[in-house]
Amino acid sequence: MGAIWYECKVKYRKIDDNGVQKVATEPYLVDALSYTEAESRINEEMAAYVSEEFKITNIKVANYAEIHPFENTDRWFKSKVSLLAYDEESGKERKTSFYLLIQANDVKEAYDNTVFAMKNTMGEYTIPAISESPIMDVFPYFSGEEDGLEQLEKFNALKASKPVKEEEIVDHMEFAPELVEESI
């Protein structure tokens, strides 16, 4: 059974880029088993980030099939993916659509990350739409056996490992020559 993601809207005071304090209502995602647990988890998570009072104004089940975090990115994008299947009985092509929440810096990178997330898909698919999501942050469930750093690494490594470009490997190896094996 996959994770159930709840979109929680939280209203709180925050300081904008100009240093002015304003009231904002922003959506966050939490992984939970029920609405009650989602409310408890968002209260716990937001208490760590917001020093003043905050109010949960709405909780609903999010319609994301999967969440894909990627390292060195700062925004979330909603990618609509349509799987194409041929129905032999009717002789028609059928589409089944679902949404992925993809982390990226811009729409092009979101497209590339969506293609990467779909790389092991056996059937044909199209990506008819990608739009920036208002989601501010995603709080996955962790068992509590890991410490905070391990949790973050586990979440980021979940589906975030993109292929490394060859020039990045060469640059990295220049800083760690003891890790490079000598070729025979």
Protein backbone atom coordinates (compact mmCIF):
# COMPACT_ATOMS: atom_id res chain seq x y z
CA MET A 1 0.00 0.00 0.00
CA GLY A 2 1.33 3.39 -0.98
CA ALA A 3 1.58 6.45 1.19
CA ILE A 4 -1.46 8.64 1.70
CA TRP A 5 -0.53 12.30 1.38
CA TYR A 6 -2.60 14.99 3.04
CA GLU A 7 -2.47 18.61 1.93
CA CYS A 8 -2.65 20.83 5.01
CA LYS A 9 -3.19 24.58 4.70
CA VAL A 10 -1.54 26.51 7.50
CA LYS A 11 -2.20 30.17 8.29
CA TYR A 12 0.51 32.09 10.13
CA ARG A 13 2.39 35.38 10.27
CA LYS A 14 5.58 35.56 8.30
CA ILE A 15 8.05 38.22 7.28
CA ASP A 16 8.20 38.82 3.52
CA ASP A 17 11.26 39.81 1.45
CA ASN A 18 10.76 43.50 2.30
CA GLY A 19 10.81 42.82 6.06
CA VAL A 20 7.06 43.41 6.40
CA GLN A 21 5.09 41.02 8.57
CA LYS A 22 2.03 39.58 6.84
CA VAL A 23 -0.46 36.77 7.31
CA ALA A 24 0.02 33.89 4.85
CA THR A 25 -1.89 30.68 4.23
CA GLU A 26 0.36 28.08 2.66
CA PRO A 27 -0.12 24.39 1.77
CA TYR A 28 2.15 21.63 3.08
CA LEU A 29 2.06 17.87 2.47
CA VAL A 30 2.30 15.26 5.21
CA ASP A 31 2.34 11.49 4.94
CA ALA A 32 -0.24 10.10 7.39
CA LEU A 33 -2.73 7.28 7.89
CA SER A 34 -5.73 9.48 8.76
CA TYR A 35 -6.92 13.07 8.97
CA THR A 36 -6.30 13.00 12.72
CA GLU A 37 -2.71 11.87 12.27
CA ALA A 38 -2.22 14.45 9.49
CA GLU A 39 -3.39 17.21 11.85
CA SER A 40 -1.10 15.97 14.61
CA ARG A 41 1.89 15.68 12.26
CA ILE A 42 1.44 19.12 10.69
CA ASN A 43 1.15 20.66 14.17
CA GLU A 44 4.39 18.97 15.18
CA GLU A 45 6.24 19.90 11.96
CA MET A 46 5.07 23.52 11.91
CA ALA A 47 5.90 24.05 15.58
CA ALA A 48 9.55 23.50 14.63
CA TYR A 49 9.41 26.16 11.88
CA VAL A 50 6.98 28.80 13.15
CA SER A 51 7.72 30.60 16.42
CA GLU A 52 4.31 32.29 16.70
CA GLU A 53 0.79 30.93 16.63
CA PHE A 54 -0.47 29.20 13.51
CA LYS A 55 -3.81 27.77 12.49
CA ILE A 56 -4.61 24.77 10.31
CA THR A 57 -7.38 25.99 8.00
CA ASN A 58 -7.89 22.90 5.82
CA ILE A 59 -6.83 19.27 5.47
CA LYS A 60 -7.62 17.16 2.41
CA VAL A 61 -6.29 14.06 0.72
CA ALA A 62 -3.83 15.10 -1.98
CA ASN A 63 -4.22 13.55 -5.41
CA TYR A 64 -0.55 12.71 -6.00
CA ALA A 65 0.32 9.18 -7.05
CA GLU A 66 3.98 9.68 -6.11
CA ILE A 67 6.28 12.31 -4.62
CA HIS A 68 9.76 12.69 -6.14
CA PRO A 69 12.25 14.89 -4.26
CA PHE A 70 15.46 15.89 -6.03
CA GLU A 71 18.58 17.40 -4.49
CA ASN A 72 19.57 21.03 -5.06
CA THR A 73 16.05 22.11 -5.97
CA ASP A 74 13.73 24.51 -4.21
CA ARG A 75 10.24 24.33 -5.75
CA TRP A 76 7.57 21.68 -6.30
CA PHE A 77 5.84 21.03 -9.63
CA LYS A 78 2.69 19.07 -10.40
CA SER A 79 3.26 16.81 -13.42
CA LYS A 80 0.30 15.21 -15.14
CA VAL A 81 1.29 11.87 -16.67
CA SER A 82 -0.98 9.93 -19.01
CA LEU A 83 -0.33 6.24 -19.53
CA LEU A 84 -1.39 5.00 -22.95
CA ALA A 85 -2.86 1.53 -23.35
CA TYR A 86 -4.47 -0.20 -26.30
CA ASP A 87 -7.82 -1.81 -25.47
CA GLU A 88 -7.99 -4.93 -27.66
CA GLU A 89 -11.73 -5.44 -27.14
CA SER A 90 -12.82 -2.00 -28.33
CA GLY A 91 -9.81 -1.40 -30.56
CA LYS A 92 -9.27 2.03 -29.03
CA GLU A 93 -6.39 3.65 -27.24
CA ARG A 94 -7.13 4.53 -23.60
CA LYS A 95 -5.44 7.06 -21.38
CA THR A 96 -5.12 6.80 -17.64
CA SER A 97 -3.86 9.98 -16.00
CA PHE A 98 -2.28 10.60 -12.62
CA TYR A 99 -0.21 13.33 -10.96
CA LEU A 100 3.35 13.31 -9.69
CA LEU A 101 4.78 15.94 -7.36
CA ILE A 102 8.26 16.64 -8.69
CA GLN A 103 10.90 18.85 -7.12
CA ALA A 104 12.83 21.10 -9.52
CA ASN A 105 14.10 24.65 -10.05
CA ASP A 106 12.11 25.40 -13.22
CA VAL A 107 9.59 23.83 -15.62
CA LYS A 108 12.23 22.36 -17.94
CA GLU A 109 13.99 20.68 -15.04
CA ALA A 110 10.59 19.47 -13.77
CA TYR A 111 9.99 17.88 -17.17
CA ASP A 112 13.44 16.22 -17.11
CA ASN A 113 12.87 15.00 -13.54
CA THR A 114 9.45 13.62 -14.53
CA VAL A 115 11.02 11.70 -17.40
CA PHE A 116 13.67 10.41 -14.96
CA ALA A 117 10.97 9.34 -12.48
CA MET A 118 9.15 7.48 -15.26
CA LYS A 119 12.27 5.78 -16.68
CA ASN A 120 11.30 2.27 -15.52
CA THR A 121 7.76 2.48 -16.89
CA MET A 122 7.11 -0.34 -19.32
CA GLY A 123 4.27 1.25 -21.29
CA GLU A 124 3.97 4.39 -23.35
CA TYR A 125 3.16 7.64 -21.60
CA THR A 126 2.88 11.34 -22.30
CA ILE A 127 3.35 14.36 -20.05
CA PRO A 128 0.51 16.68 -21.09
CA ALA A 129 0.98 19.28 -18.33
CA ILE A 130 3.45 20.55 -15.77
CA SER A 131 2.67 23.47 -13.49
CA GLU A 132 4.29 24.98 -10.44
CA SER A 133 2.64 23.76 -7.26
CA PRO A 134 1.91 26.03 -4.30
CA ILE A 135 3.20 23.28 -1.94
CA MET A 136 5.79 24.83 0.35
CA ASP A 137 7.28 21.67 1.85
CA VAL A 138 6.74 17.92 2.10
CA PHE A 139 6.95 16.01 5.39
CA PRO A 140 7.27 12.25 4.80
CA TYR A 141 6.71 9.75 7.59
CA PHE A 142 9.78 8.26 9.22
CA SER A 143 9.78 5.38 11.69
CA GLY A 144 11.69 7.26 14.38
CA GLU A 145 14.60 4.84 14.26
CA GLU A 146 16.63 7.28 12.19
CA ASP A 147 18.01 10.57 13.41
CA GLY A 148 17.12 13.82 11.61
CA LEU A 149 20.06 13.78 9.19
CA GLU A 150 19.46 10.15 8.26
CA GLN A 151 15.78 10.95 7.67
CA LEU A 152 16.64 13.76 5.28
CA GLU A 153 19.20 11.65 3.45
CA LYS A 154 16.76 8.74 3.20
CA PHE A 155 14.01 10.99 1.80
CA ASN A 156 16.32 12.72 -0.67
CA ALA A 157 17.84 9.43 -1.80
CA LEU A 158 14.42 7.80 -2.15
CA LYS A 159 14.09 8.75 -5.80
CA ALA A 160 16.47 11.62 -6.17
CA SER A 161 19.57 9.98 -7.53
CA LYS A 162 19.84 11.33 -11.04
CA PRO A 163 22.64 10.06 -13.26
CA VAL A 164 25.80 12.03 -12.61
CA LYS A 165 27.35 13.74 -15.62
CA GLU A 166 30.82 12.54 -16.52
CA GLU A 167 32.39 15.98 -16.01
CA GLU A 168 30.96 16.07 -12.47
CA ILE A 169 32.65 12.74 -11.73
CA VAL A 170 35.99 13.97 -13.05
CA ASP A 171 35.75 17.19 -11.02
CA HIS A 172 34.77 15.22 -7.93
CA MET A 173 37.60 12.75 -8.37
CA GLU A 174 40.16 15.54 -8.58
CA PHE A 175 39.36 16.30 -4.95
CA ALA A 176 39.58 12.67 -3.83
CA PRO A 177 42.42 11.02 -5.78
CA GLU A 178 42.68 8.22 -3.22
CA LEU A 179 39.24 6.99 -4.33
CA VAL A 180 40.26 6.58 -7.97
CA GLU A 181 41.54 3.12 -8.79
CA GLU A 182 44.48 2.95 -11.09
CA SER A 183 43.70 1.24 -14.36
CA ILE A 184 45.91 -1.59 -15.49
